C-alpha atoms as a PDB file:
ATOM      1  CA  MET A   1      16.140  -4.179  15.999  1.00  0.00           C
ATOM      2  CA  SER A   2      16.574  -2.668  12.541  1.00  0.00           C
ATOM      3  CA  LEU A   3      14.438  -3.285   9.564  1.00  0.00           C
ATOM      4  CA  GLY A   4      17.100  -5.513   8.107  1.00  0.00           C
ATOM      5  CA  GLU A   5      17.222  -7.570  11.289  1.00  0.00           C
ATOM      6  CA  ARG A   6      13.479  -7.897  11.199  1.00  0.00           C
ATOM      7  CA  LEU A   7      13.515  -9.047   7.606  1.00  0.00           C
ATOM      8  CA  ASN A   8      16.253 -11.559   8.306  1.00  0.00           C
ATOM      9  CA  LYS A   9      14.246 -12.866  11.266  1.00  0.00           C
ATOM     10  CA  LEU A  10      11.118 -13.281   9.033  1.00  0.00           C
ATOM     11  CA  ILE A  11      13.141 -15.086   6.307  1.00  0.00           C
ATOM     12  CA  LYS A  12      14.537 -17.517   8.775  1.00  0.00           C
ATOM     13  CA  GLU A  13      11.171 -18.094  10.524  1.00  0.00           C
ATOM     14  CA  ARG A  14       9.510 -18.772   7.126  1.00  0.00           C
ATOM     15  CA  GLY A  15      12.287 -20.999   5.933  1.00  0.00           C
ATOM     16  CA  ILE A  16      12.752 -19.147   2.658  1.00  0.00           C
ATOM     17  CA  THR A  17      15.892 -17.846   1.030  1.00  0.00           C
ATOM     18  CA  LYS A  18      16.778 -14.212   0.285  1.00  0.00           C
ATOM     19  CA  TYR A  19      16.791 -15.162  -3.397  1.00  0.00           C
ATOM     20  CA  LYS A  20      13.242 -16.487  -3.212  1.00  0.00           C
ATOM     21  CA  LEU A  21      12.099 -13.358  -1.427  1.00  0.00           C
ATOM     22  CA  ALA A  22      13.728 -11.205  -4.171  1.00  0.00           C
ATOM     23  CA  LYS A  23      12.153 -13.338  -6.898  1.00  0.00           C
ATOM     24  CA  ASP A  24       8.720 -13.241  -5.270  1.00  0.00           C
ATOM     25  CA  LEU A  25       8.882  -9.393  -4.850  1.00  0.00           C
ATOM     26  CA  ASP A  26      10.338  -8.998  -8.358  1.00  0.00           C
ATOM     27  CA  VAL A  27      13.467  -7.144  -7.089  1.00  0.00           C
ATOM     28  CA  PRO A  28      17.151  -8.071  -7.743  1.00  0.00           C
ATOM     29  CA  PRO A  29      18.710 -10.258  -5.027  1.00  0.00           C
ATOM     30  CA  SER A  30      21.214  -7.488  -4.345  1.00  0.00           C
ATOM     31  CA  THR A  31      18.289  -5.255  -3.287  1.00  0.00           C
ATOM     32  CA  VAL A  32      17.212  -7.769  -0.624  1.00  0.00           C
ATOM     33  CA  ARG A  33      20.829  -8.186   0.532  1.00  0.00           C
ATOM     34  CA  SER A  34      21.131  -4.363   0.896  1.00  0.00           C
ATOM     35  CA  TRP A  35      17.983  -4.174   2.931  1.00  0.00           C
ATOM     36  CA  ILE A  36      19.278  -6.865   5.291  1.00  0.00           C
ATOM     37  CA  ASN A  37      23.060  -6.380   5.337  1.00  0.00           C
ATOM     38  CA  TYR A  38      23.370  -2.659   4.987  1.00  0.00           C
ATOM     39  CA  ASN A  39      20.128  -1.545   6.636  1.00  0.00           C
ATOM     40  CA  ILE A  40      19.007   0.322   3.550  1.00  0.00           C
ATOM     41  CA  ASN A  41      15.295   0.928   3.987  1.00  0.00           C
ATOM     42  CA  PRO A  42      12.983   0.070   1.084  1.00  0.00           C
ATOM     43  CA  ARG A  43      10.632   2.794  -0.178  1.00  0.00           C
ATOM     44  CA  GLU A  44       7.090   2.804   1.052  1.00  0.00           C
ATOM     45  CA  PRO A  45       5.513   0.694  -1.720  1.00  0.00           C
ATOM     46  CA  ARG A  46       8.093  -2.041  -1.082  1.00  0.00           C
ATOM     47  CA  ILE A  47       7.501  -1.882   2.663  1.00  0.00           C
ATOM     48  CA  GLU A  48       3.784  -2.483   1.909  1.00  0.00           C
ATOM     49  CA  LYS A  49       4.635  -5.442  -0.351  1.00  0.00           C
ATOM     50  CA  LEU A  50       7.026  -6.933   2.296  1.00  0.00           C
ATOM     51  CA  ALA A  51       4.417  -6.502   4.999  1.00  0.00           C
ATOM     52  CA  LYS A  52       1.739  -8.220   2.842  1.00  0.00           C
ATOM     53  CA  TYR A  53       4.194 -11.002   1.833  1.00  0.00           C
ATOM     54  CA  PHE A  54       5.077 -11.838   5.421  1.00  0.00           C
ATOM     55  CA  GLY A  55       1.677 -11.136   6.840  1.00  0.00           C
ATOM     56  CA  VAL A  56       2.813  -8.465   9.210  1.00  0.00           C
ATOM     57  CA  HIS A  57       1.830  -4.869   9.738  1.00  0.00           C
ATOM     58  CA  PRO A  58       3.862  -2.328   7.791  1.00  0.00           C
ATOM     59  CA  ALA A  59       4.499  -0.274  10.975  1.00  0.00           C
ATOM     60  CA  TRP A  60       6.179  -3.284  12.504  1.00  0.00           C
ATOM     61  CA  LEU A  61       8.723  -3.264   9.700  1.00  0.00           C
ATOM     62  CA  ARG A  62       9.300   0.453  10.022  1.00  0.00           C
ATOM     63  CA  TYR A  63      10.171   0.426  13.732  1.00  0.00           C
ATOM     64  CA  LYS A  64      13.700   1.443  14.460  1.00  0.00           C
ATOM     65  CA  ASP A  65      13.702   0.876  18.165  1.00  0.00           C
ATOM     66  CA  GLU A  66      11.575  -1.476  20.259  1.00  0.00           C
ATOM     67  CA  GLU A  67      11.581   1.092  23.090  1.00  0.00           C
ATOM     68  CA  TYR A  68      10.169   3.818  20.870  1.00  0.00           C
ATOM     69  CA  SER A  69       7.102   5.386  22.362  1.00  0.00           C
ATOM     70  CA  PRO A  70       5.962   8.854  21.392  1.00  0.00           C
ATOM     71  CA  LYS A  71       4.381  10.880  24.222  1.00  0.00           C
ATOM     72  CA  LEU A  72       1.022  12.515  23.905  1.00  0.00           C
ATOM     73  CA  LYS A  73       0.968  16.227  24.597  1.00  0.00           C
ATOM     74  CA  GLU A  74      -0.680  17.379  27.858  1.00  0.00           C
ATOM     75  CA  GLY A  75      -4.265  18.446  27.261  1.00  0.00           C
ATOM     76  CA  SER A  76      -5.030  15.685  24.832  1.00  0.00           C
ATOM     77  CA  ILE A  77      -6.970  13.744  27.471  1.00  0.00           C
ATOM     78  CA  ARG A  78      -9.926  13.057  25.212  1.00  0.00           C
ATOM     79  CA  SER A  79      -7.665  11.598  22.551  1.00  0.00           C
ATOM     80  CA  ALA A  80      -5.718   9.695  25.157  1.00  0.00           C
ATOM     81  CA  GLU A  81      -8.886   8.140  26.490  1.00  0.00           C
ATOM     82  CA  LYS A  82     -10.070   7.118  23.042  1.00  0.00           C
ATOM     83  CA  ILE A  83      -6.667   5.548  22.312  1.00  0.00           C
ATOM     84  CA  LYS A  84      -6.666   3.700  25.622  1.00  0.00           C
ATOM     85  CA  GLN A  85     -10.148   2.311  24.856  1.00  0.00           C
ATOM     86  CA  PHE A  86      -9.069   1.208  21.438  1.00  0.00           C
ATOM     87  CA  ALA A  87      -5.944  -0.467  22.886  1.00  0.00           C
ATOM     88  CA  GLU A  88      -8.101  -2.356  25.414  1.00  0.00           C
ATOM     89  CA  GLU A  89     -10.534  -3.477  22.755  1.00  0.00           C
ATOM     90  CA  TYR A  90      -7.887  -4.504  20.234  1.00  0.00           C
ATOM     91  CA  PRO A  91      -4.749  -5.499  22.202  1.00  0.00           C
ATOM     92  CA  GLU A  92      -3.232  -7.239  19.157  1.00  0.00           C
ATOM     93  CA  CYS A  93      -2.899  -3.785  17.534  1.00  0.00           C
ATOM     94  CA  LEU A  94      -1.068  -2.194  20.429  1.00  0.00           C
ATOM     95  CA  PRO A  95       2.396  -2.640  18.996  1.00  0.00           C
ATOM     96  CA  TYR A  96       1.442  -0.689  15.878  1.00  0.00           C
ATOM     97  CA  LEU A  97      -0.767   1.967  17.487  1.00  0.00           C
ATOM     98  CA  GLU A  98       2.075   4.297  18.562  1.00  0.00           C
ATOM     99  CA  GLU A  99       3.664   4.114  15.125  1.00  0.00           C
ATOM    100  CA  VAL A 100       0.420   4.990  13.384  1.00  0.00           C
ATOM    101  CA  ILE A 101      -0.193   7.921  15.684  1.00  0.00           C
ATOM    102  CA  GLU A 102       3.375   9.213  15.171  1.00  0.00           C
ATOM    103  CA  LEU A 103       2.993   8.913  11.355  1.00  0.00           C
ATOM    104  CA  PHE A 104      -0.285  10.751  11.477  1.00  0.00           C
ATOM    105  CA  ILE A 105       1.265  13.538  13.601  1.00  0.00           C
ATOM    106  CA  ASN A 106       4.198  13.909  11.260  1.00  0.00           C
ATOM    107  CA  GLU A 107       2.004  14.060   8.202  1.00  0.00           C
ATOM    108  CA  TYR A 108      -0.272  16.570   9.910  1.00  0.00           C
ATOM    109  CA  LYS A 109       2.719  18.771  10.775  1.00  0.00           C
ATOM    110  CA  LYS A 110       3.988  18.595   7.157  1.00  0.00           C
ATOM    111  CA  ALA A 111       0.587  19.570   5.818  1.00  0.00           C
ATOM    112  CA  SER A 112       0.159  22.353   8.344  1.00  0.00           C
ATOM    113  CA  ALA A 113       3.626  23.768   7.611  1.00  0.00           C
ATOM    114  CA  GLY A 114       2.826  23.831   3.866  1.00  0.00           C
ATOM    115  CA  THR A 115      -0.513  25.524   4.454  1.00  0.00           C
ATOM    116  CA  LEU A 116       0.986  28.140   6.806  1.00  0.00           C
ATOM    117  CA  SER A 117       3.805  28.811   4.310  1.00  0.00           C
ATOM    118  CA  LYS A 118       1.325  29.332   1.448  1.00  0.00           C
ATOM    119  CA  LEU A 119      -0.739  31.693   3.613  1.00  0.00           C
ATOM    120  CA  ALA A 120       2.295  33.730   4.540  1.00  0.00           C
ATOM    121  CA  GLN A 121       3.304  33.976   0.878  1.00  0.00           C
ATOM    122  CA  LYS A 122      -0.234  35.106  -0.121  1.00  0.00           C
ATOM    123  CA  LYS A 123      -0.175  37.759   2.636  1.00  0.00           C
ATOM    124  CA  LYS A 124       3.221  39.078   1.473  1.00  0.00           C
ATOM    125  CA  SER A 125       2.072  39.270  -2.180  1.00  0.00           C
ATOM    126  CA  LYS A 126      -1.078  41.159  -1.146  1.00  0.00           C
ATOM    127  CA  GLU A 127       0.986  43.619   0.916  1.00  0.00           C
ATOM    128  CA  SER A 128       3.307  44.298  -2.026  1.00  0.00           C
END
């Protein structure tokens, strides 16, 4: 289910119009239509507002595929056990847990890549 389909589902469930949603979020109605009809994803601040407006978790709105499930790398037993414990204690959070982990991993990779790139540049400049 796409983000647009999820939004459309929420609109129908809440019994509101797309126009009302647009007015409440202070965006043009054409923007809401593009999110729903053309699967144009809103930027992060809008996703946060949409999630708050509908009372859902932002990760739920971001999902592209219900079957999405990132795999933990082998050797991350300690992390896997902590995640399993958390999931058992807070089962209502389970649908969002994988998305949060994936977002964290992606942000970590970006930060690491930037740091490694800067270190390599420093090393080159010192060698010159």
